[in-house]
């Protein structure tokens, strides 16, 4: 009885879970970018998860790229909406003061 070790088995591939989560959070940040705080939370989470996925998961490069782009767009929109909301609240407080 001989052992035949010539057949090589490939290790199971890991799913790029961080990259996919970064893509999902980046997409949610992009879609909720006009909600003052919610869009910022999802965009920051998407950016962090996408960048962590880039370091640890070379198989998820497409997910990382799309996640980072959507997270940055959502982050910019969220910051602009937050600034405009603060300005509107400040002006509203000035108008109602006696």
PDB file of N, CA and C in Angstrom:
ATOM      1  N   UNK A   1       0.839  -1.172   0.000  1.00  0.00           N
ATOM      2  CA  UNK A   1       0.000   0.000   0.000  1.00  0.00           C
ATOM      3  C   UNK A   1       0.888   1.240   0.000  1.00  0.00           C
ATOM      4  N   UNK A   2       0.742   2.051  -0.994  1.00  0.00           N
ATOM      5  CA  UNK A   2       1.567   3.245  -1.102  1.00  0.00           C
ATOM      6  C   UNK A   2       0.697   4.477  -0.919  1.00  0.00           C
ATOM      7  N   UNK A   3       1.309   5.474  -0.375  1.00  0.00           N
ATOM      8  CA  UNK A   3       0.617   6.755  -0.204  1.00  0.00           C
ATOM      9  C   UNK A   3       0.941   7.657  -1.385  1.00  0.00           C
ATOM     10  N   UNK A   4      -0.057   8.152  -2.011  1.00  0.00           N
ATOM     11  CA  UNK A   4       0.149   9.033  -3.152  1.00  0.00           C
ATOM     12  C   UNK A   4      -0.133  10.468  -2.722  1.00  0.00           C
ATOM     13  N   UNK A   5       0.941  11.228  -2.549  1.00  0.00           N
ATOM     14  CA  UNK A   5       0.807  12.617  -2.108  1.00  0.00           C
ATOM     15  C   UNK A   5       0.922  13.595  -3.276  1.00  0.00           C
ATOM     16  N   UNK A   6       0.845  13.074  -4.486  1.00  0.00           N
ATOM     17  CA  UNK A   6       1.000  13.956  -5.639  1.00  0.00           C
ATOM     18  C   UNK A   6      -0.235  14.828  -5.852  1.00  0.00           C
ATOM     19  N   UNK A   7      -1.379  14.402  -5.351  1.00  0.00           N
ATOM     20  CA  UNK A   7      -2.586  15.214  -5.466  1.00  0.00           C
ATOM     21  C   UNK A   7      -2.539  16.311  -4.411  1.00  0.00           C
ATOM     22  N   UNK A   8      -2.568  17.534  -4.887  1.00  0.00           N
ATOM     23  CA  UNK A   8      -2.519  18.655  -3.945  1.00  0.00           C
ATOM     24  C   UNK A   8      -3.912  19.219  -3.771  1.00  0.00           C
ATOM     25  N   UNK A   9      -4.213  19.524  -2.554  1.00  0.00           N
ATOM     26  CA  UNK A   9      -5.509  20.102  -2.225  1.00  0.00           C
ATOM     27  C   UNK A   9      -5.321  21.581  -1.947  1.00  0.00           C
ATOM     28  N   UNK A  10      -6.224  22.365  -2.493  1.00  0.00           N
ATOM     29  CA  UNK A  10      -6.171  23.795  -2.240  1.00  0.00           C
ATOM     30  C   UNK A  10      -6.906  24.113  -0.955  1.00  0.00           C
ATOM     31  N   UNK A  11      -6.372  25.061  -0.244  1.00  0.00           N
ATOM     32  CA  UNK A  11      -7.038  25.504   0.979  1.00  0.00           C
ATOM     33  C   UNK A  11      -8.328  26.220   0.583  1.00  0.00           C
ATOM     34  N   UNK A  12      -9.364  26.079   1.374  1.00  0.00           N
ATOM     35  CA  UNK A  12     -10.608  26.793   1.036  1.00  0.00           C
ATOM     36  C   UNK A  12     -10.370  28.298   1.046  1.00  0.00           C
ATOM     37  N   UNK A  13     -10.946  28.973   0.078  1.00  0.00           N
ATOM     38  CA  UNK A  13     -10.751  30.418  -0.007  1.00  0.00           C
ATOM     39  C   UNK A  13     -11.622  31.111   1.032  1.00  0.00           C
ATOM     40  N   UNK A  14     -11.063  32.144   1.594  1.00  0.00           N
ATOM     41  CA  UNK A  14     -11.810  32.919   2.586  1.00  0.00           C
ATOM     42  C   UNK A  14     -12.673  33.937   1.871  1.00  0.00           C
ATOM     43  N   UNK A  15     -13.832  34.138   2.393  1.00  0.00           N
ATOM     44  CA  UNK A  15     -14.705  35.177   1.856  1.00  0.00           C
ATOM     45  C   UNK A  15     -14.202  36.537   2.329  1.00  0.00           C
ATOM     46  N   UNK A  16     -14.207  37.519   1.452  1.00  0.00           N
ATOM     47  CA  UNK A  16     -13.759  38.860   1.857  1.00  0.00           C
ATOM     48  C   UNK A  16     -14.840  39.576   2.671  1.00  0.00           C
ATOM     49  N   UNK A  17     -15.073  39.105   3.879  1.00  0.00           N
ATOM     50  CA  UNK A  17     -16.193  39.584   4.688  1.00  0.00           C
ATOM     51  C   UNK A  17     -16.036  41.059   5.067  1.00  0.00           C
ATOM     52  N   UNK A  18     -14.826  41.497   5.415  1.00  0.00           N
ATOM     53  CA  UNK A  18     -14.638  42.908   5.778  1.00  0.00           C
ATOM     54  C   UNK A  18     -14.890  43.814   4.576  1.00  0.00           C
ATOM     55  N   UNK A  19     -14.447  43.365   3.419  1.00  0.00           N
ATOM     56  CA  UNK A  19     -14.664  44.157   2.207  1.00  0.00           C
ATOM     57  C   UNK A  19     -16.150  44.254   1.866  1.00  0.00           C
ATOM     58  N   UNK A  20     -16.854  43.152   2.037  1.00  0.00           N
ATOM     59  CA  UNK A  20     -18.300  43.159   1.753  1.00  0.00           C
ATOM     60  C   UNK A  20     -19.037  44.029   2.763  1.00  0.00           C
ATOM     61  N   UNK A  21     -18.669  43.926   4.033  1.00  0.00           N
ATOM     62  CA  UNK A  21     -19.296  44.784   5.045  1.00  0.00           C
ATOM     63  C   UNK A  21     -18.990  46.259   4.789  1.00  0.00           C
ATOM     64  N   UNK A  22     -17.761  46.548   4.355  1.00  0.00           N
ATOM     65  CA  UNK A  22     -17.409  47.923   4.000  1.00  0.00           C
ATOM     66  C   UNK A  22     -18.235  48.429   2.836  1.00  0.00           C
ATOM     67  N   UNK A  23     -18.471  47.551   1.862  1.00  0.00           N
ATOM     68  CA  UNK A  23     -19.313  47.924   0.721  1.00  0.00           C
ATOM     69  C   UNK A  23     -20.748  48.191   1.160  1.00  0.00           C
ATOM     70  N   UNK A  24     -21.279  47.333   2.027  1.00  0.00           N
ATOM     71  CA  UNK A  24     -22.659  47.513   2.501  1.00  0.00           C
ATOM     72  C   UNK A  24     -22.787  48.803   3.310  1.00  0.00           C
ATOM     73  N   UNK A  25     -21.860  49.032   4.236  1.00  0.00           N
ATOM     74  CA  UNK A  25     -21.929  50.259   5.050  1.00  0.00           C
ATOM     75  C   UNK A  25     -21.678  51.505   4.197  1.00  0.00           C
ATOM     76  N   UNK A  26     -20.771  51.407   3.235  1.00  0.00           N
ATOM     77  CA  UNK A  26     -20.537  52.531   2.332  1.00  0.00           C
ATOM     78  C   UNK A  26     -21.768  52.853   1.503  1.00  0.00           C
ATOM     79  N   UNK A  27     -22.462  51.804   1.036  1.00  0.00           N
ATOM     80  CA  UNK A  27     -23.693  52.009   0.273  1.00  0.00           C
ATOM     81  C   UNK A  27     -24.768  52.636   1.151  1.00  0.00           C
ATOM     82  N   UNK A  28     -24.915  52.137   2.383  1.00  0.00           N
ATOM     83  CA  UNK A  28     -25.897  52.726   3.299  1.00  0.00           C
ATOM     84  C   UNK A  28     -25.541  54.173   3.633  1.00  0.00           C
ATOM     85  N   UNK A  29     -24.245  54.457   3.787  1.00  0.00           N
ATOM     86  CA  UNK A  29     -23.817  55.828   4.035  1.00  0.00           C
ATOM     87  C   UNK A  29     -24.115  56.735   2.862  1.00  0.00           C
ATOM     88  N   UNK A  30     -23.942  56.198   1.648  1.00  0.00           N
ATOM     89  CA  UNK A  30     -24.265  56.968   0.442  1.00  0.00           C
ATOM     90  C   UNK A  30     -25.761  57.235   0.350  1.00  0.00           C
ATOM     91  N   UNK A  31     -26.561  56.210   0.638  1.00  0.00           N
ATOM     92  CA  UNK A  31     -28.016  56.351   0.519  1.00  0.00           C
ATOM     93  C   UNK A  31     -28.617  57.209   1.633  1.00  0.00           C
ATOM     94  N   UNK A  32     -28.019  57.172   2.820  1.00  0.00           N
ATOM     95  CA  UNK A  32     -28.539  57.964   3.937  1.00  0.00           C
ATOM     96  C   UNK A  32     -27.686  59.200   4.197  1.00  0.00           C
ATOM     97  N   UNK A  33     -26.952  59.644   3.200  1.00  0.00           N
ATOM     98  CA  UNK A  33     -26.074  60.797   3.361  1.00  0.00           C
ATOM     99  C   UNK A  33     -26.807  62.082   3.677  1.00  0.00           C
ATOM    100  N   UNK A  34     -28.078  62.160   3.320  1.00  0.00           N
ATOM    101  CA  UNK A  34     -28.843  63.374   3.577  1.00  0.00           C
ATOM    102  C   UNK A  34     -29.495  63.397   4.953  1.00  0.00           C
ATOM    103  N   UNK A  35     -29.341  62.326   5.701  1.00  0.00           N
ATOM    104  CA  UNK A  35     -29.808  62.287   7.094  1.00  0.00           C
ATOM    105  C   UNK A  35     -28.612  62.720   7.943  1.00  0.00           C
ATOM    106  N   UNK A  36     -28.729  63.801   8.709  1.00  0.00           N
ATOM    107  CA  UNK A  36     -27.561  64.423   9.325  1.00  0.00           C
ATOM    108  C   UNK A  36     -26.594  63.501  10.070  1.00  0.00           C
ATOM    109  N   UNK A  37     -27.021  62.644  10.937  1.00  0.00           N
ATOM    110  CA  UNK A  37     -26.065  61.854  11.719  1.00  0.00           C
ATOM    111  C   UNK A  37     -25.953  60.429  11.190  1.00  0.00           C
ATOM    112  N   UNK A  38     -27.033  59.856  10.749  1.00  0.00           N
ATOM    113  CA  UNK A  38     -27.055  58.463  10.306  1.00  0.00           C
ATOM    114  C   UNK A  38     -26.121  58.233   9.126  1.00  0.00           C
ATOM    115  N   UNK A  39     -26.135  59.140   8.173  1.00  0.00           N
ATOM    116  CA  UNK A  39     -25.255  59.013   7.015  1.00  0.00           C
ATOM    117  C   UNK A  39     -23.789  59.050   7.392  1.00  0.00           C
ATOM    118  N   UNK A  40     -23.451  59.902   8.355  1.00  0.00           N
ATOM    119  CA  UNK A  40     -22.058  59.978   8.809  1.00  0.00           C
ATOM    120  C   UNK A  40     -21.610  58.688   9.481  1.00  0.00           C
ATOM    121  N   UNK A  41     -22.480  58.107  10.293  1.00  0.00           N
ATOM    122  CA  UNK A  41     -22.128  56.871  10.998  1.00  0.00           C
ATOM    123  C   UNK A  41     -21.860  55.744  10.001  1.00  0.00           C
ATOM    124  N   UNK A  42     -22.771  55.550   9.044  1.00  0.00           N
ATOM    125  CA  UNK A  42     -22.582  54.492   8.056  1.00  0.00           C
ATOM    126  C   UNK A  42     -21.372  54.759   7.167  1.00  0.00           C
ATOM    127  N   UNK A  43     -21.149  56.010   6.792  1.00  0.00           N
ATOM    128  CA  UNK A  43     -20.022  56.338   5.919  1.00  0.00           C
ATOM    129  C   UNK A  43     -18.688  56.104   6.610  1.00  0.00           C
ATOM    130  N   UNK A  44     -18.583  56.495   7.863  1.00  0.00           N
ATOM    131  CA  UNK A  44     -17.335  56.276   8.602  1.00  0.00           C
ATOM    132  C   UNK A  44     -17.096  54.781   8.800  1.00  0.00           C
ATOM    133  N   UNK A  45     -18.152  54.043   9.151  1.00  0.00           N
ATOM    134  CA  UNK A  45     -18.010  52.597   9.316  1.00  0.00           C
ATOM    135  C   UNK A  45     -17.624  51.935   7.998  1.00  0.00           C
ATOM    136  N   UNK A  46     -18.226  52.367   6.908  1.00  0.00           N
ATOM    137  CA  UNK A  46     -17.902  51.814   5.594  1.00  0.00           C
ATOM    138  C   UNK A  46     -16.467  52.091   5.194  1.00  0.00           C
ATOM    139  N   UNK A  47     -15.994  53.287   5.479  1.00  0.00           N
ATOM    140  CA  UNK A  47     -14.621  53.641   5.151  1.00  0.00           C
ATOM    141  C   UNK A  47     -13.631  52.823   5.972  1.00  0.00           C
ATOM    142  N   UNK A  48     -13.879  52.689   7.263  1.00  0.00           N
ATOM    143  CA  UNK A  48     -12.979  51.920   8.126  1.00  0.00           C
ATOM    144  C   UNK A  48     -12.969  50.445   7.736  1.00  0.00           C
ATOM    145  N   UNK A  49     -14.146  49.864   7.533  1.00  0.00           N
ATOM    146  CA  UNK A  49     -14.215  48.450   7.174  1.00  0.00           C
ATOM    147  C   UNK A  49     -13.592  48.182   5.808  1.00  0.00           C
ATOM    148  N   UNK A  50     -13.790  49.085   4.868  1.00  0.00           N
ATOM    149  CA  UNK A  50     -13.199  48.894   3.540  1.00  0.00           C
ATOM    150  C   UNK A  50     -11.678  48.959   3.596  1.00  0.00           C
ATOM    151  N   UNK A  51     -11.153  49.891   4.360  1.00  0.00           N
ATOM    152  CA  UNK A  51      -9.702  50.004   4.456  1.00  0.00           C
ATOM    153  C   UNK A  51      -9.091  48.823   5.220  1.00  0.00           C
ATOM    154  N   UNK A  52      -9.788  48.338   6.240  1.00  0.00           N
ATOM    155  CA  UNK A  52      -9.315  47.133   6.942  1.00  0.00           C
ATOM    156  C   UNK A  52      -9.373  45.920   6.010  1.00  0.00           C
ATOM    157  N   UNK A  53     -10.427  45.839   5.203  1.00  0.00           N
ATOM    158  CA  UNK A  53     -10.551  44.748   4.250  1.00  0.00           C
ATOM    159  C   UNK A  53      -9.465  44.795   3.197  1.00  0.00           C
ATOM    160  N   UNK A  54      -9.041  45.981   2.830  1.00  0.00           N
ATOM    161  CA  UNK A  54      -7.954  46.128   1.856  1.00  0.00           C
ATOM    162  C   UNK A  54      -6.653  45.565   2.396  1.00  0.00           C
ATOM    163  N   UNK A  55      -6.410  45.749   3.690  1.00  0.00           N
ATOM    164  CA  UNK A  55      -5.187  45.248   4.307  1.00  0.00           C
ATOM    165  C   UNK A  55      -5.197  43.729   4.431  1.00  0.00           C
ATOM    166  N   UNK A  56      -6.349  43.169   4.834  1.00  0.00           N
ATOM    167  CA  UNK A  56      -6.389  41.756   5.216  1.00  0.00           C
ATOM    168  C   UNK A  56      -6.920  40.823   4.136  1.00  0.00           C
ATOM    169  N   UNK A  57      -7.611  41.350   3.151  1.00  0.00           N
ATOM    170  CA  UNK A  57      -8.266  40.489   2.168  1.00  0.00           C
ATOM    171  C   UNK A  57      -7.955  40.949   0.746  1.00  0.00           C
ATOM    172  N   UNK A  58      -6.904  40.419   0.155  1.00  0.00           N
ATOM    173  CA  UNK A  58      -6.561  40.852  -1.203  1.00  0.00           C
ATOM    174  C   UNK A  58      -7.583  40.419  -2.257  1.00  0.00           C
ATOM    175  N   UNK A  59      -8.456  39.481  -1.923  1.00  0.00           N
ATOM    176  CA  UNK A  59      -9.441  39.001  -2.891  1.00  0.00           C
ATOM    177  C   UNK A  59     -10.607  39.968  -3.067  1.00  0.00           C
ATOM    178  N   UNK A  60     -10.773  40.914  -2.173  1.00  0.00           N
ATOM    179  CA  UNK A  60     -11.939  41.800  -2.228  1.00  0.00           C
ATOM    180  C   UNK A  60     -11.642  43.181  -2.743  1.00  0.00           C
ATOM    181  N   UNK A  61     -10.749  43.320  -3.722  1.00  0.00           N
ATOM    182  CA  UNK A  61     -10.338  44.658  -4.158  1.00  0.00           C
ATOM    183  C   UNK A  61     -11.476  45.454  -4.797  1.00  0.00           C
ATOM    184  N   UNK A  62     -12.343  44.793  -5.540  1.00  0.00           N
ATOM    185  CA  UNK A  62     -13.463  45.506  -6.160  1.00  0.00           C
ATOM    186  C   UNK A  62     -14.433  46.012  -5.102  1.00  0.00           C
ATOM    187  N   UNK A  63     -14.723  45.158  -4.108  1.00  0.00           N
ATOM    188  CA  UNK A  63     -15.601  45.569  -3.009  1.00  0.00           C
ATOM    189  C   UNK A  63     -15.004  46.753  -2.260  1.00  0.00           C
ATOM    190  N   UNK A  64     -13.698  46.701  -2.044  1.00  0.00           N
ATOM    191  CA  UNK A  64     -13.014  47.770  -1.306  1.00  0.00           C
ATOM    192  C   UNK A  64     -13.109  49.080  -2.075  1.00  0.00           C
ATOM    193  N   UNK A  65     -12.824  49.044  -3.359  1.00  0.00           N
ATOM    194  CA  UNK A  65     -12.829  50.264  -4.161  1.00  0.00           C
ATOM    195  C   UNK A  65     -14.210  50.911  -4.187  1.00  0.00           C
ATOM    196  N   UNK A  66     -15.232  50.120  -4.442  1.00  0.00           N
ATOM    197  CA  UNK A  66     -16.587  50.668  -4.490  1.00  0.00           C
ATOM    198  C   UNK A  66     -17.021  51.140  -3.109  1.00  0.00           C
ATOM    199  N   UNK A  67     -16.689  50.377  -2.064  1.00  0.00           N
ATOM    200  CA  UNK A  67     -17.043  50.765  -0.692  1.00  0.00           C
ATOM    201  C   UNK A  67     -16.404  52.078  -0.280  1.00  0.00           C
ATOM    202  N   UNK A  68     -15.127  52.271  -0.625  1.00  0.00           N
ATOM    203  CA  UNK A  68     -14.429  53.508  -0.267  1.00  0.00           C
ATOM    204  C   UNK A  68     -15.030  54.699  -1.017  1.00  0.00           C
ATOM    205  N   UNK A  69     -15.296  54.524  -2.307  1.00  0.00           N
ATOM    206  CA  UNK A  69     -15.864  55.623  -3.100  1.00  0.00           C
ATOM    207  C   UNK A  69     -17.232  56.038  -2.558  1.00  0.00           C
ATOM    208  N   UNK A  70     -18.103  55.053  -2.307  1.00  0.00           N
ATOM    209  CA  UNK A  70     -19.441  55.383  -1.794  1.00  0.00           C
ATOM    210  C   UNK A  70     -19.378  55.979  -0.394  1.00  0.00           C
ATOM    211  N   UNK A  71     -18.464  55.473   0.442  1.00  0.00           N
ATOM    212  CA  UNK A  71     -18.331  55.999   1.805  1.00  0.00           C
ATOM    213  C   UNK A  71     -17.840  57.442   1.783  1.00  0.00           C
ATOM    214  N   UNK A  72     -16.914  57.762   0.887  1.00  0.00           N
ATOM    215  CA  UNK A  72     -16.406  59.139   0.809  1.00  0.00           C
ATOM    216  C   UNK A  72     -17.495  60.082   0.308  1.00  0.00           C
ATOM    217  N   UNK A  73     -18.257  59.653  -0.693  1.00  0.00           N
ATOM    218  CA  UNK A  73     -19.356  60.495  -1.182  1.00  0.00           C
ATOM    219  C   UNK A  73     -20.392  60.705  -0.076  1.00  0.00           C
ATOM    220  N   UNK A  74     -20.741  59.628   0.646  1.00  0.00           N
ATOM    221  CA  UNK A  74     -21.685  59.739   1.753  1.00  0.00           C
ATOM    222  C   UNK A  74     -21.151  60.610   2.878  1.00  0.00           C
ATOM    223  N   UNK A  75     -19.847  60.517   3.126  1.00  0.00           N
ATOM    224  CA  UNK A  75     -19.224  61.333   4.175  1.00  0.00           C
ATOM    225  C   UNK A  75     -19.276  62.815   3.809  1.00  0.00           C
ATOM    226  N   UNK A  76     -18.968  63.139   2.572  1.00  0.00           N
ATOM    227  CA  UNK A  76     -19.031  64.539   2.125  1.00  0.00           C
ATOM    228  C   UNK A  76     -20.462  65.064   2.213  1.00  0.00           C
ATOM    229  N   UNK A  77     -21.415  64.271   1.735  1.00  0.00           N
ATOM    230  CA  UNK A  77     -22.823  64.696   1.800  1.00  0.00           C
ATOM    231  C   UNK A  77     -23.275  64.850   3.252  1.00  0.00           C
ATOM    232  N   UNK A  78     -22.876  63.915   4.113  1.00  0.00           N
ATOM    233  CA  UNK A  78     -23.266  63.986   5.522  1.00  0.00           C
ATOM    234  C   UNK A  78     -22.703  65.200   6.225  1.00  0.00           C
ATOM    235  N   UNK A  79     -21.457  65.541   5.938  1.00  0.00           N
ATOM    236  CA  UNK A  79     -20.840  66.715   6.566  1.00  0.00           C
ATOM    237  C   UNK A  79     -21.516  67.996   6.074  1.00  0.00           C
ATOM    238  N   UNK A  80     -21.793  68.067   4.769  1.00  0.00           N
ATOM    239  CA  UNK A  80     -22.472  69.263   4.246  1.00  0.00           C
ATOM    240  C   UNK A  80     -23.868  69.424   4.843  1.00  0.00           C
ATOM    241  N   UNK A  81     -24.605  68.332   4.944  1.00  0.00           N
ATOM    242  CA  UNK A  81     -25.952  68.400   5.517  1.00  0.00           C
ATOM    243  C   UNK A  81     -25.885  68.771   6.994  1.00  0.00           C
ATOM    244  N   UNK A  82     -24.904  68.243   7.697  1.00  0.00           N
ATOM    245  CA  UNK A  82     -24.754  68.574   9.118  1.00  0.00           C
ATOM    246  C   UNK A  82     -24.432  70.059   9.295  1.00  0.00           C
ATOM    247  N   UNK A  83     -23.546  70.589   8.463  1.00  0.00           N
ATOM    248  CA  UNK A  83     -23.208  72.016   8.538  1.00  0.00           C
ATOM    249  C   UNK A  83     -24.434  72.876   8.220  1.00  0.00           C
ATOM    250  N   UNK A  84     -25.164  72.497   7.167  1.00  0.00           N
ATOM    251  CA  UNK A  84     -26.367  73.261   6.815  1.00  0.00           C
ATOM    252  C   UNK A  84     -27.439  73.165   7.902  1.00  0.00           C
ATOM    253  N   UNK A  85     -27.538  72.023   8.551  1.00  0.00           N
ATOM    254  CA  UNK A  85     -28.499  71.866   9.644  1.00  0.00           C
ATOM    255  C   UNK A  85     -28.123  72.757  10.825  1.00  0.00           C
ATOM    256  N   UNK A  86     -26.852  72.809  11.150  1.00  0.00           N
ATOM    257  CA  UNK A  86     -26.389  73.658  12.258  1.00  0.00           C
ATOM    258  C   UNK A  86     -26.635  75.130  11.931  1.00  0.00           C
ATOM    259  N   UNK A  87     -26.365  75.516  10.678  1.00  0.00           N
ATOM    260  CA  UNK A  87     -26.605  76.903  10.268  1.00  0.00           C
ATOM    261  C   UNK A  87     -28.097  77.230  10.343  1.00  0.00           C
ATOM    262  N   UNK A  88     -28.933  76.302   9.885  1.00  0.00           N
ATOM    263  CA  UNK A  88     -30.379  76.540   9.916  1.00  0.00           C
ATOM    264  C   UNK A  88     -30.897  76.650  11.348  1.00  0.00           C
ATOM    265  N   UNK A  89     -30.382  75.817  12.234  1.00  0.00           N
ATOM    266  CA  UNK A  89     -30.798  75.888  13.641  1.00  0.00           C
ATOM    267  C   UNK A  89     -30.338  77.203  14.264  1.00  0.00           C
ATOM    268  N   UNK A  90     -29.105  77.608  13.947  1.00  0.00           N
ATOM    269  CA  UNK A  90     -28.591  78.873  14.501  1.00  0.00           C
ATOM    270  C   UNK A  90     -29.387  80.062  13.986  1.00  0.00           C
ATOM    271  N   UNK A  91     -29.722  80.056  12.712  1.00  0.00           N
ATOM    272  CA  UNK A  91     -30.516  81.163  12.150  1.00  0.00           C
ATOM    273  C   UNK A  91     -31.944  81.126  12.678  1.00  0.00           C
ATOM    274  N   UNK A  92     -32.474  79.941  12.875  1.00  0.00           N
ATOM    275  CA  UNK A  92     -33.816  79.837  13.438  1.00  0.00           C
ATOM    276  C   UNK A  92     -33.876  80.349  14.867  1.00  0.00           C
ATOM    277  N   UNK A  93     -32.812  80.123  15.620  1.00  0.00           N
ATOM    278  CA  UNK A  93     -32.760  80.616  16.985  1.00  0.00           C
ATOM    279  C   UNK A  93     -32.660  82.142  17.004  1.00  0.00           C
ATOM    280  N   UNK A  94     -31.971  82.718  16.027  1.00  0.00           N
ATOM    281  CA  UNK A  94     -31.864  84.167  15.956  1.00  0.00           C
ATOM    282  C   UNK A  94     -33.191  84.806  15.572  1.00  0.00           C
ATOM    283  N   UNK A  95     -33.913  84.147  14.696  1.00  0.00           N
ATOM    284  CA  UNK A  95     -35.199  84.712  14.254  1.00  0.00           C
ATOM    285  C   UNK A  95     -36.262  84.676  15.347  1.00  0.00           C
ATOM    286  N   UNK A  96     -36.223  83.717  16.206  1.00  0.00           N
ATOM    287  CA  UNK A  96     -37.255  83.599  17.234  1.00  0.00           C
ATOM    288  C   UNK A  96     -36.907  84.351  18.511  1.00  0.00           C
ATOM    289  N   UNK A  97     -35.701  84.874  18.595  1.00  0.00           N
ATOM    290  CA  UNK A  97     -35.335  85.626  19.803  1.00  0.00           C
ATOM    291  C   UNK A  97     -36.023  86.985  19.801  1.00  0.00           C
ATOM    292  N   UNK A  98     -36.498  87.447  20.978  1.00  0.00           N
ATOM    293  CA  UNK A  98     -37.168  88.762  21.040  1.00  0.00           C
ATOM    294  C   UNK A  98     -36.197  89.909  20.903  1.00  0.00           C
TER     295      UNK A  98
END
